[in-house]
Amino acid sequence: MTPREGLTPKEIEVATMVWQGLTNREIGKRMSTTEQVIKNHLRSTFDKLGVWSRLELAMYVASHGGNGWNDPVVAAGPLRDAGKREAPPLFPSVWQR
């Protein structure tokens, strides 16, 4: 079992939005929940994946498929055409924390 398989669908969704550069507040608005709930999801995700920061989480998501990380088929194994994987965005919201 990969670490990603231990995440809930909400944790995967939050992690993907962190990779996209959204703040906790922005993620909360998109998911119709509070910023504190997002922080709880992140804390749990950090523990499950063994990362310590939003930047490490974003790098983990990027290295495991980026937007396709949501897709169980992509997450199940290496990308067939890794050369065509899209580059991760810059993380301005992460650097400002």
PDB file of N, CA and C in Angstrom:
ATOM      1  N   MET A   1       0.847  -1.180   0.000  1.00  0.00           N
ATOM      2  CA  MET A   1       0.000   0.000   0.000  1.00  0.00           C
ATOM      3  C   MET A   1       0.894   1.245   0.000  1.00  0.00           C
ATOM      4  N   THR A   2       0.639   2.139  -0.938  1.00  0.00           N
ATOM      5  CA  THR A   2       1.406   3.380  -1.001  1.00  0.00           C
ATOM      6  C   THR A   2       0.860   4.369   0.026  1.00  0.00           C
ATOM      7  N   PRO A   3       1.670   5.342   0.434  1.00  0.00           N
ATOM      8  CA  PRO A   3       1.179   6.326   1.406  1.00  0.00           C
ATOM      9  C   PRO A   3      -0.085   7.042   0.928  1.00  0.00           C
ATOM     10  N   ARG A   4      -0.173   7.308  -0.377  1.00  0.00           N
ATOM     11  CA  ARG A   4      -1.331   8.011  -0.914  1.00  0.00           C
ATOM     12  C   ARG A   4      -2.612   7.222  -0.687  1.00  0.00           C
ATOM     13  N   GLU A   5      -2.530   5.901  -0.738  1.00  0.00           N
ATOM     14  CA  GLU A   5      -3.718   5.072  -0.553  1.00  0.00           C
ATOM     15  C   GLU A   5      -4.284   5.189   0.858  1.00  0.00           C
ATOM     16  N   GLY A   6      -3.494   5.677   1.803  1.00  0.00           N
ATOM     17  CA  GLY A   6      -3.968   5.876   3.161  1.00  0.00           C
ATOM     18  C   GLY A   6      -4.712   7.187   3.364  1.00  0.00           C
ATOM     19  N   LEU A   7      -4.721   8.038   2.337  1.00  0.00           N
ATOM     20  CA  LEU A   7      -5.396   9.330   2.445  1.00  0.00           C
ATOM     21  C   LEU A   7      -6.877   9.218   2.122  1.00  0.00           C
ATOM     22  N   THR A   8      -7.669  10.066   2.767  1.00  0.00           N
ATOM     23  CA  THR A   8      -9.097  10.141   2.451  1.00  0.00           C
ATOM     24  C   THR A   8      -9.268  10.948   1.167  1.00  0.00           C
ATOM     25  N   PRO A   9     -10.421  10.840   0.510  1.00  0.00           N
ATOM     26  CA  PRO A   9     -10.652  11.653  -0.694  1.00  0.00           C
ATOM     27  C   PRO A   9     -10.514  13.157  -0.418  1.00  0.00           C
ATOM     28  N   LYS A  10     -10.954  13.613   0.744  1.00  0.00           N
ATOM     29  CA  LYS A  10     -10.833  15.043   1.083  1.00  0.00           C
ATOM     30  C   LYS A  10      -9.372  15.439   1.246  1.00  0.00           C
ATOM     31  N   GLU A  11      -8.570  14.578   1.865  1.00  0.00           N
ATOM     32  CA  GLU A  11      -7.148  14.872   2.034  1.00  0.00           C
ATOM     33  C   GLU A  11      -6.450  14.940   0.679  1.00  0.00           C
ATOM     34  N   ILE A  12      -6.825  14.078  -0.229  1.00  0.00           N
ATOM     35  CA  ILE A  12      -6.260  14.110  -1.579  1.00  0.00           C
ATOM     36  C   ILE A  12      -6.656  15.408  -2.279  1.00  0.00           C
ATOM     37  N   GLU A  13      -7.904  15.798  -2.136  1.00  0.00           N
ATOM     38  CA  GLU A  13      -8.392  17.036  -2.750  1.00  0.00           C
ATOM     39  C   GLU A  13      -7.639  18.244  -2.200  1.00  0.00           C
ATOM     40  N   VAL A  14      -7.481  18.297  -0.875  1.00  0.00           N
ATOM     41  CA  VAL A  14      -6.760  19.409  -0.242  1.00  0.00           C
ATOM     42  C   VAL A  14      -5.303  19.423  -0.704  1.00  0.00           C
ATOM     43  N   ALA A  15      -4.659  18.273  -0.715  1.00  0.00           N
ATOM     44  CA  ALA A  15      -3.256  18.192  -1.133  1.00  0.00           C
ATOM     45  C   ALA A  15      -3.085  18.682  -2.572  1.00  0.00           C
ATOM     46  N   THR A  16      -4.013  18.332  -3.431  1.00  0.00           N
ATOM     47  CA  THR A  16      -3.940  18.770  -4.828  1.00  0.00           C
ATOM     48  C   THR A  16      -4.089  20.288  -4.924  1.00  0.00           C
ATOM     49  N   MET A  17      -4.980  20.855  -4.122  1.00  0.00           N
ATOM     50  CA  MET A  17      -5.147  22.308  -4.141  1.00  0.00           C
ATOM     51  C   MET A  17      -3.934  23.026  -3.566  1.00  0.00           C
ATOM     52  N   VAL A  18      -3.262  22.426  -2.597  1.00  0.00           N
ATOM     53  CA  VAL A  18      -2.004  22.987  -2.093  1.00  0.00           C
ATOM     54  C   VAL A  18      -0.985  22.989  -3.224  1.00  0.00           C
ATOM     55  N   TRP A  19      -0.906  21.887  -3.966  1.00  0.00           N
ATOM     56  CA  TRP A  19       0.010  21.806  -5.110  1.00  0.00           C
ATOM     57  C   TRP A  19      -0.298  22.897  -6.137  1.00  0.00           C
ATOM     58  N   GLN A  20      -1.583  23.236  -6.273  1.00  0.00           N
ATOM     59  CA  GLN A  20      -1.983  24.275  -7.224  1.00  0.00           C
ATOM     60  C   GLN A  20      -1.683  25.678  -6.712  1.00  0.00           C
ATOM     61  N   GLY A  21      -1.255  25.790  -5.444  1.00  0.00           N
ATOM     62  CA  GLY A  21      -0.858  27.091  -4.903  1.00  0.00           C
ATOM     63  C   GLY A  21      -1.923  27.830  -4.124  1.00  0.00           C
ATOM     64  N   LEU A  22      -3.040  27.179  -3.807  1.00  0.00           N
ATOM     65  CA  LEU A  22      -4.109  27.841  -3.065  1.00  0.00           C
ATOM     66  C   LEU A  22      -3.764  27.931  -1.576  1.00  0.00           C
ATOM     67  N   THR A  23      -4.254  28.975  -0.931  1.00  0.00           N
ATOM     68  CA  THR A  23      -4.087  29.134   0.511  1.00  0.00           C
ATOM     69  C   THR A  23      -5.145  28.293   1.225  1.00  0.00           C
ATOM     70  N   ASN A  24      -4.963  28.118   2.534  1.00  0.00           N
ATOM     71  CA  ASN A  24      -5.962  27.382   3.320  1.00  0.00           C
ATOM     72  C   ASN A  24      -7.325  28.049   3.213  1.00  0.00           C
ATOM     73  N   ARG A  25      -7.351  29.362   3.255  1.00  0.00           N
ATOM     74  CA  ARG A  25      -8.614  30.104   3.151  1.00  0.00           C
ATOM     75  C   ARG A  25      -9.286  29.846   1.813  1.00  0.00           C
ATOM     76  N   GLU A  26      -8.511  29.890   0.733  1.00  0.00           N
ATOM     77  CA  GLU A  26      -9.068  29.643  -0.603  1.00  0.00           C
ATOM     78  C   GLU A  26      -9.578  28.212  -0.730  1.00  0.00           C
ATOM     79  N   ILE A  27      -8.832  27.264  -0.176  1.00  0.00           N
ATOM     80  CA  ILE A  27      -9.258  25.861  -0.217  1.00  0.00           C
ATOM     81  C   ILE A  27     -10.554  25.706   0.563  1.00  0.00           C
ATOM     82  N   GLY A  28     -10.623  26.322   1.740  1.00  0.00           N
ATOM     83  CA  GLY A  28     -11.833  26.263   2.558  1.00  0.00           C
ATOM     84  C   GLY A  28     -13.052  26.796   1.819  1.00  0.00           C
ATOM     85  N   LYS A  29     -12.882  27.897   1.120  1.00  0.00           N
ATOM     86  CA  LYS A  29     -13.997  28.465   0.352  1.00  0.00           C
ATOM     87  C   LYS A  29     -14.434  27.515  -0.757  1.00  0.00           C
ATOM     88  N   ARG A  30     -13.474  26.940  -1.460  1.00  0.00           N
ATOM     89  CA  ARG A  30     -13.813  26.008  -2.553  1.00  0.00           C
ATOM     90  C   ARG A  30     -14.512  24.749  -2.043  1.00  0.00           C
ATOM     91  N   MET A  31     -14.133  24.327  -0.825  1.00  0.00           N
ATOM     92  CA  MET A  31     -14.709  23.095  -0.279  1.00  0.00           C
ATOM     93  C   MET A  31     -15.880  23.388   0.667  1.00  0.00           C
ATOM     94  N   SER A  32     -16.246  24.658   0.777  1.00  0.00           N
ATOM     95  CA  SER A  32     -17.362  25.089   1.638  1.00  0.00           C
ATOM     96  C   SER A  32     -17.168  24.628   3.080  1.00  0.00           C
ATOM     97  N   THR A  33     -15.972  24.895   3.604  1.00  0.00           N
ATOM     98  CA  THR A  33     -15.674  24.546   4.989  1.00  0.00           C
ATOM     99  C   THR A  33     -14.771  25.621   5.585  1.00  0.00           C
ATOM    100  N   THR A  34     -14.379  25.445   6.826  1.00  0.00           N
ATOM    101  CA  THR A  34     -13.559  26.449   7.489  1.00  0.00           C
ATOM    102  C   THR A  34     -12.079  26.219   7.256  1.00  0.00           C
ATOM    103  N   GLU A  35     -11.325  27.263   7.516  1.00  0.00           N
ATOM    104  CA  GLU A  35      -9.880  27.175   7.397  1.00  0.00           C
ATOM    105  C   GLU A  35      -9.317  26.171   8.412  1.00  0.00           C
ATOM    106  N   GLN A  36      -9.929  26.076   9.580  1.00  0.00           N
ATOM    107  CA  GLN A  36      -9.465  25.137  10.607  1.00  0.00           C
ATOM    108  C   GLN A  36      -9.628  23.684  10.148  1.00  0.00           C
ATOM    109  N   VAL A  37     -10.729  23.391   9.465  1.00  0.00           N
ATOM    110  CA  VAL A  37     -10.933  22.031   8.947  1.00  0.00           C
ATOM    111  C   VAL A  37      -9.846  21.708   7.922  1.00  0.00           C
ATOM    112  N   ILE A  38      -9.480  22.675   7.100  1.00  0.00           N
ATOM    113  CA  ILE A  38      -8.421  22.467   6.105  1.00  0.00           C
ATOM    114  C   ILE A  38      -7.096  22.207   6.820  1.00  0.00           C
ATOM    115  N   LYS A  39      -6.822  22.960   7.875  1.00  0.00           N
ATOM    116  CA  LYS A  39      -5.595  22.743   8.650  1.00  0.00           C
ATOM    117  C   LYS A  39      -5.572  21.332   9.233  1.00  0.00           C
ATOM    118  N   ASN A  40      -6.717  20.860   9.695  1.00  0.00           N
ATOM    119  CA  ASN A  40      -6.799  19.498  10.234  1.00  0.00           C
ATOM    120  C   ASN A  40      -6.506  18.457   9.153  1.00  0.00           C
ATOM    121  N   HIS A  41      -7.076  18.669   7.964  1.00  0.00           N
ATOM    122  CA  HIS A  41      -6.810  17.758   6.842  1.00  0.00           C
ATOM    123  C   HIS A  41      -5.305  17.757   6.514  1.00  0.00           C
ATOM    124  N   LEU A  42      -4.704  18.944   6.511  1.00  0.00           N
ATOM    125  CA  LEU A  42      -3.283  19.040   6.191  1.00  0.00           C
ATOM    126  C   LEU A  42      -2.424  18.346   7.243  1.00  0.00           C
ATOM    127  N   ARG A  43      -2.745  18.548   8.509  1.00  0.00           N
ATOM    128  CA  ARG A  43      -1.974  17.916   9.578  1.00  0.00           C
ATOM    129  C   ARG A  43      -1.997  16.393   9.417  1.00  0.00           C
ATOM    130  N   SER A  44      -3.187  15.866   9.142  1.00  0.00           N
ATOM    131  CA  SER A  44      -3.339  14.427   8.948  1.00  0.00           C
ATOM    132  C   SER A  44      -2.573  13.948   7.712  1.00  0.00           C
ATOM    133  N   THR A  45      -2.652  14.721   6.640  1.00  0.00           N
ATOM    134  CA  THR A  45      -1.961  14.387   5.394  1.00  0.00           C
ATOM    135  C   THR A  45      -0.452  14.404   5.596  1.00  0.00           C
ATOM    136  N   PHE A  46       0.050  15.434   6.286  1.00  0.00           N
ATOM    137  CA  PHE A  46       1.486  15.520   6.570  1.00  0.00           C
ATOM    138  C   PHE A  46       1.946  14.261   7.297  1.00  0.00           C
ATOM    139  N   ASP A  47       1.190  13.858   8.325  1.00  0.00           N
ATOM    140  CA  ASP A  47       1.557  12.662   9.105  1.00  0.00           C
ATOM    141  C   ASP A  47       1.571  11.411   8.245  1.00  0.00           C
ATOM    142  N   LYS A  48       0.551  11.249   7.414  1.00  0.00           N
ATOM    143  CA  LYS A  48       0.434  10.042   6.600  1.00  0.00           C
ATOM    144  C   LYS A  48       1.501   9.947   5.515  1.00  0.00           C
ATOM    145  N   LEU A  49       1.897  11.101   4.967  1.00  0.00           N
ATOM    146  CA  LEU A  49       2.883  11.101   3.879  1.00  0.00           C
ATOM    147  C   LEU A  49       4.303  11.316   4.377  1.00  0.00           C
ATOM    148  N   GLY A  50       4.452  11.693   5.642  1.00  0.00           N
ATOM    149  CA  GLY A  50       5.780  11.931   6.187  1.00  0.00           C
ATOM    150  C   GLY A  50       6.425  13.209   5.692  1.00  0.00           C
ATOM    151  N   VAL A  51       5.606  14.223   5.437  1.00  0.00           N
ATOM    152  CA  VAL A  51       6.131  15.530   5.038  1.00  0.00           C
ATOM    153  C   VAL A  51       5.937  16.513   6.190  1.00  0.00           C
ATOM    154  N   TRP A  52       6.676  17.626   6.141  1.00  0.00           N
ATOM    155  CA  TRP A  52       6.661  18.577   7.243  1.00  0.00           C
ATOM    156  C   TRP A  52       6.083  19.942   6.881  1.00  0.00           C
ATOM    157  N   SER A  53       5.871  20.199   5.601  1.00  0.00           N
ATOM    158  CA  SER A  53       5.432  21.542   5.204  1.00  0.00           C
ATOM    159  C   SER A  53       4.551  21.479   3.952  1.00  0.00           C
ATOM    160  N   ARG A  54       3.912  22.601   3.671  1.00  0.00           N
ATOM    161  CA  ARG A  54       3.102  22.718   2.458  1.00  0.00           C
ATOM    162  C   ARG A  54       3.983  22.547   1.218  1.00  0.00           C
ATOM    163  N   LEU A  55       5.196  23.094   1.279  1.00  0.00           N
ATOM    164  CA  LEU A  55       6.100  22.974   0.137  1.00  0.00           C
ATOM    165  C   LEU A  55       6.462  21.512  -0.114  1.00  0.00           C
ATOM    166  N   GLU A  56       6.794  20.782   0.950  1.00  0.00           N
ATOM    167  CA  GLU A  56       7.100  19.358   0.781  1.00  0.00           C
ATOM    168  C   GLU A  56       5.888  18.602   0.241  1.00  0.00           C
ATOM    169  N   LEU A  57       4.702  18.953   0.734  1.00  0.00           N
ATOM    170  CA  LEU A  57       3.483  18.307   0.239  1.00  0.00           C
ATOM    171  C   LEU A  57       3.296  18.591  -1.243  1.00  0.00           C
ATOM    172  N   ALA A  58       3.470  19.855  -1.644  1.00  0.00           N
ATOM    173  CA  ALA A  58       3.320  20.228  -3.052  1.00  0.00           C
ATOM    174  C   ALA A  58       4.336  19.489  -3.921  1.00  0.00           C
ATOM    175  N   MET A  59       5.558  19.359  -3.427  1.00  0.00           N
ATOM    176  CA  MET A  59       6.589  18.637  -4.179  1.00  0.00           C
ATOM    177  C   MET A  59       6.237  17.148  -4.266  1.00  0.00           C
ATOM    178  N   TYR A  60       5.681  16.586  -3.200  1.00  0.00           N
ATOM    179  CA  TYR A  60       5.262  15.180  -3.209  1.00  0.00           C
ATOM    180  C   TYR A  60       4.185  14.966  -4.272  1.00  0.00           C
ATOM    181  N   VAL A  61       3.180  15.841  -4.270  1.00  0.00           N
ATOM    182  CA  VAL A  61       2.089  15.722  -5.256  1.00  0.00           C
ATOM    183  C   VAL A  61       2.653  15.865  -6.668  1.00  0.00           C
ATOM    184  N   ALA A  62       3.525  16.859  -6.873  1.00  0.00           N
ATOM    185  CA  ALA A  62       4.101  17.085  -8.202  1.00  0.00           C
ATOM    186  C   ALA A  62       4.878  15.868  -8.683  1.00  0.00           C
ATOM    187  N   SER A  63       5.620  15.242  -7.779  1.00  0.00           N
ATOM    188  CA  SER A  63       6.442  14.110  -8.181  1.00  0.00           C
ATOM    189  C   SER A  63       5.632  12.819  -8.370  1.00  0.00           C
ATOM    190  N   HIS A  64       4.355  12.875  -7.984  1.00  0.00           N
ATOM    191  CA  HIS A  64       3.494  11.700  -8.138  1.00  0.00           C
ATOM    192  C   HIS A  64       2.332  11.960  -9.096  1.00  0.00           C
ATOM    193  N   GLY A  65       2.497  12.897 -10.025  1.00  0.00           N
ATOM    194  CA  GLY A  65       1.504  13.069 -11.071  1.00  0.00           C
ATOM    195  C   GLY A  65       0.799  14.397 -11.135  1.00  0.00           C
ATOM    196  N   GLY A  66       1.022  15.300 -10.183  1.00  0.00           N
ATOM    197  CA  GLY A  66       0.384  16.610 -10.237  1.00  0.00           C
ATOM    198  C   GLY A  66      -1.125  16.522 -10.236  1.00  0.00           C
ATOM    199  N   ASN A  67      -1.766  17.141 -11.217  1.00  0.00           N
ATOM    200  CA  ASN A  67      -3.234  17.108 -11.292  1.00  0.00           C
ATOM    201  C   ASN A  67      -3.760  15.690 -11.404  1.00  0.00           C
ATOM    202  N   GLY A  68      -3.008  14.809 -12.041  1.00  0.00           N
ATOM    203  CA  GLY A  68      -3.411  13.422 -12.184  1.00  0.00           C
ATOM    204  C   GLY A  68      -3.334  12.641 -10.885  1.00  0.00           C
ATOM    205  N   TRP A  69      -2.767  13.265  -9.850  1.00  0.00           N
ATOM    206  CA  TRP A  69      -2.633  12.614  -8.544  1.00  0.00           C
ATOM    207  C   TRP A  69      -4.003  12.264  -7.973  1.00  0.00           C
ATOM    208  N   ASN A  70      -5.016  13.013  -8.366  1.00  0.00           N
ATOM    209  CA  ASN A  70      -6.398  12.724  -7.950  1.00  0.00           C
ATOM    210  C   ASN A  70      -6.895  11.417  -8.548  1.00  0.00           C
ATOM    211  N   ASP A  71      -6.352  11.076  -9.697  1.00  0.00           N
ATOM    212  CA  ASP A  71      -6.813   9.910 -10.453  1.00  0.00           C
ATOM    213  C   ASP A  71      -6.160   8.641  -9.913  1.00  0.00           C
ATOM    214  N   PRO A  72      -6.943   7.680  -9.400  1.00  0.00           N
ATOM    215  CA  PRO A  72      -6.369   6.454  -8.854  1.00  0.00           C
ATOM    216  C   PRO A  72      -5.531   5.674  -9.860  1.00  0.00           C
ATOM    217  N   VAL A  73      -5.848   5.779 -11.141  1.00  0.00           N
ATOM    218  CA  VAL A  73      -5.089   5.052 -12.160  1.00  0.00           C
ATOM    219  C   VAL A  73      -3.678   5.620 -12.252  1.00  0.00           C
ATOM    220  N   VAL A  74      -3.570   6.947 -12.259  1.00  0.00           N
ATOM    221  CA  VAL A  74      -2.262   7.593 -12.316  1.00  0.00           C
ATOM    222  C   VAL A  74      -1.503   7.332 -11.026  1.00  0.00           C
ATOM    223  N   ALA A  75      -2.194   7.424  -9.894  1.00  0.00           N
ATOM    224  CA  ALA A  75      -1.547   7.254  -8.595  1.00  0.00           C
ATOM    225  C   ALA A  75      -1.079   5.818  -8.366  1.00  0.00           C
ATOM    226  N   ALA A  76      -1.648   4.877  -9.081  1.00  0.00           N
ATOM    227  CA  ALA A  76      -1.321   3.465  -8.865  1.00  0.00           C
ATOM    228  C   ALA A  76       0.061   3.082  -9.380  1.00  0.00           C
ATOM    229  N   GLY A  77       0.580   3.852 -10.312  1.00  0.00           N
ATOM    230  CA  GLY A  77       1.879   3.473 -10.853  1.00  0.00           C
ATOM    231  C   GLY A  77       2.523   4.620 -11.584  1.00  0.00           C
ATOM    232  N   PRO A  78       3.707   4.391 -12.122  1.00  0.00           N
ATOM    233  CA  PRO A  78       4.415   5.452 -12.834  1.00  0.00           C
ATOM    234  C   PRO A  78       3.677   5.843 -14.107  1.00  0.00           C
ATOM    235  N   LEU A  79       3.845   7.097 -14.467  1.00  0.00           N
ATOM    236  CA  LEU A  79       3.222   7.574 -15.700  1.00  0.00           C
ATOM    237  C   LEU A  79       3.903   6.915 -16.887  1.00  0.00           C
ATOM    238  N   ARG A  80       3.124   6.545 -17.869  1.00  0.00           N
ATOM    239  CA  ARG A  80       3.686   5.874 -19.041  1.00  0.00           C
ATOM    240  C   ARG A  80       4.564   6.809 -19.846  1.00  0.00           C
ATOM    241  N   ASP A  81       4.159   8.072 -19.908  1.00  0.00           N
ATOM    242  CA  ASP A  81       4.926   9.028 -20.696  1.00  0.00           C
ATOM    243  C   ASP A  81       5.336  10.168 -19.785  1.00  0.00           C
ATOM    244  N   ALA A  82       6.266   9.911 -18.900  1.00  0.00           N
ATOM    245  CA  ALA A  82       6.673  10.896 -17.901  1.00  0.00           C
ATOM    246  C   ALA A  82       7.192  12.181 -18.535  1.00  0.00           C
ATOM    247  N   GLY A  83       7.694  12.109 -19.748  1.00  0.00           N
ATOM    248  CA  GLY A  83       8.190  13.302 -20.417  1.00  0.00           C
ATOM    249  C   GLY A  83       7.102  14.307 -20.718  1.00  0.00           C
ATOM    250  N   LYS A  84       5.852  13.875 -20.747  1.00  0.00           N
ATOM    251  CA  LYS A  84       4.755  14.778 -21.059  1.00  0.00           C
ATOM    252  C   LYS A  84       4.036  15.279 -19.805  1.00  0.00           C
ATOM    253  N   ARG A  85       4.560  14.960 -18.637  1.00  0.00           N
ATOM    254  CA  ARG A  85       3.949  15.418 -17.388  1.00  0.00           C
ATOM    255  C   ARG A  85       4.054  16.935 -17.316  1.00  0.00           C
ATOM    256  N   GLU A  86       2.991  17.598 -16.900  1.00  0.00           N
ATOM    257  CA  GLU A  86       3.041  19.044 -16.827  1.00  0.00           C
ATOM    258  C   GLU A  86       3.893  19.493 -15.648  1.00  0.00           C
ATOM    259  N   ALA A  87       4.537  20.624 -15.821  1.00  0.00           N
ATOM    260  CA  ALA A  87       5.398  21.141 -14.763  1.00  0.00           C
ATOM    261  C   ALA A  87       4.543  21.695 -13.627  1.00  0.00           C
ATOM    262  N   PRO A  88       5.010  21.566 -12.383  1.00  0.00           N
ATOM    263  CA  PRO A  88       4.256  22.117 -11.268  1.00  0.00           C
ATOM    264  C   PRO A  88       4.283  23.639 -11.317  1.00  0.00           C
ATOM    265  N   PRO A  89       3.232  24.288 -10.814  1.00  0.00           N
ATOM    266  CA  PRO A  89       3.215  25.748 -10.815  1.00  0.00           C
ATOM    267  C   PRO A  89       4.170  26.275  -9.762  1.00  0.00           C
ATOM    268  N   LEU A  90       4.455  27.563  -9.850  1.00  0.00           N
ATOM    269  CA  LEU A  90       5.215  28.192  -8.784  1.00  0.00           C
ATOM    270  C   LEU A  90       4.324  28.255  -7.557  1.00  0.00           C
ATOM    271  N   PHE A  91       4.892  28.359  -6.406  1.00  0.00           N
ATOM    272  CA  PHE A  91       4.129  28.319  -5.167  1.00  0.00           C
ATOM    273  C   PHE A  91       4.203  29.642  -4.412  1.00  0.00           C
ATOM    274  N   PRO A  92       3.687  30.740  -4.974  1.00  0.00           N
ATOM    275  CA  PRO A  92       3.834  32.029  -4.285  1.00  0.00           C
ATOM    276  C   PRO A  92       3.166  32.055  -2.925  1.00  0.00           C
ATOM    277  N   SER A  93       2.022  31.397  -2.780  1.00  0.00           N
ATOM    278  CA  SER A  93       1.342  31.419  -1.495  1.00  0.00           C
ATOM    279  C   SER A  93       2.109  30.634  -0.446  1.00  0.00           C
ATOM    280  N   VAL A  94       2.881  29.634  -0.858  1.00  0.00           N
ATOM    281  CA  VAL A  94       3.669  28.850   0.080  1.00  0.00           C
ATOM    282  C   VAL A  94       4.851  29.664   0.584  1.00  0.00           C
ATOM    283  N   TRP A  95       5.491  30.399  -0.324  1.00  0.00           N
ATOM    284  CA  TRP A  95       6.690  31.163   0.059  1.00  0.00           C
ATOM    285  C   TRP A  95       6.346  32.316   0.986  1.00  0.00           C
ATOM    286  N   GLN A  96       5.125  32.817   0.967  1.00  0.00           N
ATOM    287  CA  GLN A  96       4.748  33.973   1.772  1.00  0.00           C
ATOM    288  C   GLN A  96       4.380  33.590   3.190  1.00  0.00           C
ATOM    289  N   ARG A  97       4.363  32.338   3.543  1.00  0.00           N
ATOM    290  CA  ARG A  97       3.968  31.925   4.890  1.00  0.00           C
ATOM    291  C   ARG A  97       5.094  32.072   5.863  1.00  0.00           C
TER     292      ARG A  97
END
